[in-house]
Amino acid sequence: SSGINAEYGGSTDIPDWCHVEAGTPCDFTTAPSSEALCKLQAKSPIVHAHKITSPVLLLLGAKDLRVPPSQGLSLHRLLRARGVESEVRWYPEDCHPLKSVATAADVIIHTHLWFS
């Protein structure tokens, strides 16, 4: 689950991306303006999570520098609290691409099981 949020710029290896996607100025010499924070908030997937009604399988690499895994865990908690079926597959030794052989095998197996 990738997301844009007000703190995201400080917790990703591509901090300018969230500003480009939100259409806000990318200036790391000053704090974002109130207007920029509102735009970032409006683009954040967690703000739209209340619209999710379908079951969600989250595949999270604990070492992900691109999308903080805490965002996926937050989405999972929110969905469960709303009664939406959600499962987290946690890969402690993987990062954003989930590319180790063991992880890739687990992803294939559990994605198949999820949709079966």
C-alpha atoms as a PDB file:
ATOM      1  CA  SER A   1       0.000   0.000   0.000  1.00  0.00           C
ATOM      2  CA  SER A   2       1.704   3.202  -1.107  1.00  0.00           C
ATOM      3  CA  GLY A   3       0.611   6.463   0.395  1.00  0.00           C
ATOM      4  CA  ILE A   4       1.118  10.161   0.469  1.00  0.00           C
ATOM      5  CA  ASN A   5       0.907  11.862   3.819  1.00  0.00           C
ATOM      6  CA  ALA A   6       2.261  14.899   5.559  1.00  0.00           C
ATOM      7  CA  GLU A   7       5.094  12.978   7.203  1.00  0.00           C
ATOM      8  CA  TYR A   8       5.861  10.814   4.168  1.00  0.00           C
ATOM      9  CA  GLY A   9       8.522  13.145   2.825  1.00  0.00           C
ATOM     10  CA  GLY A  10      10.671  12.374   5.842  1.00  0.00           C
ATOM     11  CA  SER A  11      10.221   8.605   5.775  1.00  0.00           C
ATOM     12  CA  THR A  12      10.868   7.578   2.170  1.00  0.00           C
ATOM     13  CA  ASP A  13      13.906   7.291  -0.062  1.00  0.00           C
ATOM     14  CA  ILE A  14      12.118   9.398  -2.720  1.00  0.00           C
ATOM     15  CA  PRO A  15      10.738  12.340  -0.708  1.00  0.00           C
ATOM     16  CA  ASP A  16      10.067  14.516  -3.748  1.00  0.00           C
ATOM     17  CA  TRP A  17       7.637  11.944  -5.204  1.00  0.00           C
ATOM     18  CA  CYS A  18       4.828  12.696  -2.757  1.00  0.00           C
ATOM     19  CA  HIS A  19       5.011  16.412  -3.583  1.00  0.00           C
ATOM     20  CA  VAL A  20       4.984  15.787  -7.333  1.00  0.00           C
ATOM     21  CA  GLU A  21       1.972  13.478  -7.017  1.00  0.00           C
ATOM     22  CA  ALA A  22       0.103  15.947  -4.792  1.00  0.00           C
ATOM     23  CA  GLY A  23       1.011  18.955  -6.928  1.00  0.00           C
ATOM     24  CA  THR A  24       2.681  20.736  -4.025  1.00  0.00           C
ATOM     25  CA  PRO A  25       5.990  22.607  -4.008  1.00  0.00           C
ATOM     26  CA  CYS A  26       8.989  20.404  -3.316  1.00  0.00           C
ATOM     27  CA  ASP A  27      11.052  22.657  -1.054  1.00  0.00           C
ATOM     28  CA  PHE A  28      12.887  20.948   1.768  1.00  0.00           C
ATOM     29  CA  THR A  29      14.260  24.221   3.151  1.00  0.00           C
ATOM     30  CA  THR A  30      10.938  25.074   4.793  1.00  0.00           C
ATOM     31  CA  ALA A  31       8.027  23.191   6.324  1.00  0.00           C
ATOM     32  CA  PRO A  32       5.065  22.567   3.982  1.00  0.00           C
ATOM     33  CA  SER A  33       2.402  25.274   4.063  1.00  0.00           C
ATOM     34  CA  SER A  34      -1.073  24.578   5.440  1.00  0.00           C
ATOM     35  CA  GLU A  35      -2.356  24.478   1.859  1.00  0.00           C
ATOM     36  CA  ALA A  36       0.323  21.940   0.845  1.00  0.00           C
ATOM     37  CA  LEU A  37      -0.465  19.788   3.887  1.00  0.00           C
ATOM     38  CA  CYS A  38      -4.164  19.800   2.953  1.00  0.00           C
ATOM     39  CA  LYS A  39      -3.309  18.727  -0.608  1.00  0.00           C
ATOM     40  CA  LEU A  40      -1.026  15.969   0.675  1.00  0.00           C
ATOM     41  CA  GLN A  41      -3.739  14.787   3.066  1.00  0.00           C
ATOM     42  CA  ALA A  42      -6.358  14.738   0.295  1.00  0.00           C
ATOM     43  CA  LYS A  43      -4.115  12.492  -1.850  1.00  0.00           C
ATOM     44  CA  SER A  44      -3.375  10.041   0.942  1.00  0.00           C
ATOM     45  CA  PRO A  45      -4.975   6.614   0.360  1.00  0.00           C
ATOM     46  CA  ILE A  46      -5.801   6.300   4.073  1.00  0.00           C
ATOM     47  CA  VAL A  47      -8.219   9.239   3.709  1.00  0.00           C
ATOM     48  CA  HIS A  48     -10.170   7.227   1.142  1.00  0.00           C
ATOM     49  CA  ALA A  49     -10.013   3.911   3.019  1.00  0.00           C
ATOM     50  CA  HIS A  50     -13.620   4.278   4.163  1.00  0.00           C
ATOM     51  CA  LYS A  51     -14.623   3.535   0.546  1.00  0.00           C
ATOM     52  CA  ILE A  52     -12.955   0.099   0.597  1.00  0.00           C
ATOM     53  CA  THR A  53     -15.433  -2.735   0.947  1.00  0.00           C
ATOM     54  CA  SER A  54     -13.620  -5.559  -0.870  1.00  0.00           C
ATOM     55  CA  PRO A  55     -11.208  -7.848   0.973  1.00  0.00           C
ATOM     56  CA  VAL A  56      -7.604  -6.618   0.924  1.00  0.00           C
ATOM     57  CA  LEU A  57      -4.364  -8.613   0.932  1.00  0.00           C
ATOM     58  CA  LEU A  58      -1.372  -6.496   1.971  1.00  0.00           C
ATOM     59  CA  LEU A  59       2.128  -7.713   1.113  1.00  0.00           C
ATOM     60  CA  LEU A  60       4.612  -5.736   3.194  1.00  0.00           C
ATOM     61  CA  GLY A  61       8.389  -5.738   3.233  1.00  0.00           C
ATOM     62  CA  ALA A  62       9.656  -4.719   6.670  1.00  0.00           C
ATOM     63  CA  LYS A  63      12.727  -3.053   5.132  1.00  0.00           C
ATOM     64  CA  ASP A  64      10.772  -1.011   2.579  1.00  0.00           C
ATOM     65  CA  LEU A  65      12.328   2.445   2.283  1.00  0.00           C
ATOM     66  CA  ARG A  66       9.931   3.590  -0.445  1.00  0.00           C
ATOM     67  CA  VAL A  67       6.591   3.067   1.308  1.00  0.00           C
ATOM     68  CA  PRO A  68       6.869   2.824   5.074  1.00  0.00           C
ATOM     69  CA  PRO A  69       5.366  -0.538   6.118  1.00  0.00           C
ATOM     70  CA  SER A  70       3.631   1.262   8.975  1.00  0.00           C
ATOM     71  CA  GLN A  71       1.259   2.722   6.378  1.00  0.00           C
ATOM     72  CA  GLY A  72       0.148  -0.753   5.314  1.00  0.00           C
ATOM     73  CA  LEU A  73      -0.306  -1.780   8.933  1.00  0.00           C
ATOM     74  CA  SER A  74      -2.381   1.343   9.575  1.00  0.00           C
ATOM     75  CA  LEU A  75      -4.594   0.536   6.595  1.00  0.00           C
ATOM     76  CA  HIS A  76      -4.976  -3.052   7.831  1.00  0.00           C
ATOM     77  CA  ARG A  77      -6.043  -1.873  11.318  1.00  0.00           C
ATOM     78  CA  LEU A  78      -8.518   0.618   9.861  1.00  0.00           C
ATOM     79  CA  LEU A  79     -10.058  -1.969   7.544  1.00  0.00           C
ATOM     80  CA  ARG A  80     -10.377  -4.551  10.316  1.00  0.00           C
ATOM     81  CA  ALA A  81     -11.968  -1.966  12.598  1.00  0.00           C
ATOM     82  CA  ARG A  82     -14.535  -1.298   9.873  1.00  0.00           C
ATOM     83  CA  GLY A  83     -15.248  -5.020   9.423  1.00  0.00           C
ATOM     84  CA  VAL A  84     -13.487  -5.329   6.064  1.00  0.00           C
ATOM     85  CA  GLU A  85     -11.567  -8.566   5.586  1.00  0.00           C
ATOM     86  CA  SER A  86      -7.860  -7.805   5.498  1.00  0.00           C
ATOM     87  CA  GLU A  87      -4.738  -9.930   5.739  1.00  0.00           C
ATOM     88  CA  VAL A  88      -1.108  -8.900   6.105  1.00  0.00           C
ATOM     89  CA  ARG A  89       1.740 -10.996   4.781  1.00  0.00           C
ATOM     90  CA  TRP A  90       4.875  -9.665   6.509  1.00  0.00           C
ATOM     91  CA  TYR A  91       8.313 -10.179   4.966  1.00  0.00           C
ATOM     92  CA  PRO A  92      10.926  -9.179   7.565  1.00  0.00           C
ATOM     93  CA  GLU A  93      13.924  -9.503   5.253  1.00  0.00           C
ATOM     94  CA  ASP A  94      12.480  -7.828   2.161  1.00  0.00           C
ATOM     95  CA  CYS A  95      12.006  -4.279   0.932  1.00  0.00           C
ATOM     96  CA  HIS A  96       9.754  -2.588  -1.648  1.00  0.00           C
ATOM     97  CA  PRO A  97      10.110  -4.996  -4.583  1.00  0.00           C
ATOM     98  CA  LEU A  98       9.605  -8.158  -2.462  1.00  0.00           C
ATOM     99  CA  LYS A  99      12.159  -9.865  -4.663  1.00  0.00           C
ATOM    100  CA  SER A 100      13.857 -12.583  -2.650  1.00  0.00           C
ATOM    101  CA  VAL A 101      13.146 -16.109  -3.891  1.00  0.00           C
ATOM    102  CA  ALA A 102      11.480 -17.181  -0.642  1.00  0.00           C
ATOM    103  CA  THR A 103       9.304 -14.068  -0.568  1.00  0.00           C
ATOM    104  CA  ALA A 104       8.348 -14.373  -4.243  1.00  0.00           C
ATOM    105  CA  ALA A 105       7.253 -17.978  -3.655  1.00  0.00           C
ATOM    106  CA  ASP A 106       5.222 -16.996  -0.598  1.00  0.00           C
ATOM    107  CA  VAL A 107       3.594 -14.098  -2.480  1.00  0.00           C
ATOM    108  CA  ILE A 108       2.578 -16.380  -5.348  1.00  0.00           C
ATOM    109  CA  ILE A 109       1.168 -19.046  -3.044  1.00  0.00           C
ATOM    110  CA  HIS A 110      -0.745 -16.674  -0.764  1.00  0.00           C
ATOM    111  CA  THR A 111      -2.027 -14.505  -3.592  1.00  0.00           C
ATOM    112  CA  HIS A 112      -3.404 -17.647  -5.243  1.00  0.00           C
ATOM    113  CA  LEU A 113      -4.965 -18.764  -1.952  1.00  0.00           C
ATOM    114  CA  TRP A 114      -6.409 -15.291  -1.396  1.00  0.00           C
ATOM    115  CA  PHE A 115      -8.266 -15.375  -4.706  1.00  0.00           C
ATOM    116  CA  SER A 116      -9.274 -19.059  -4.493  1.00  0.00           C
END
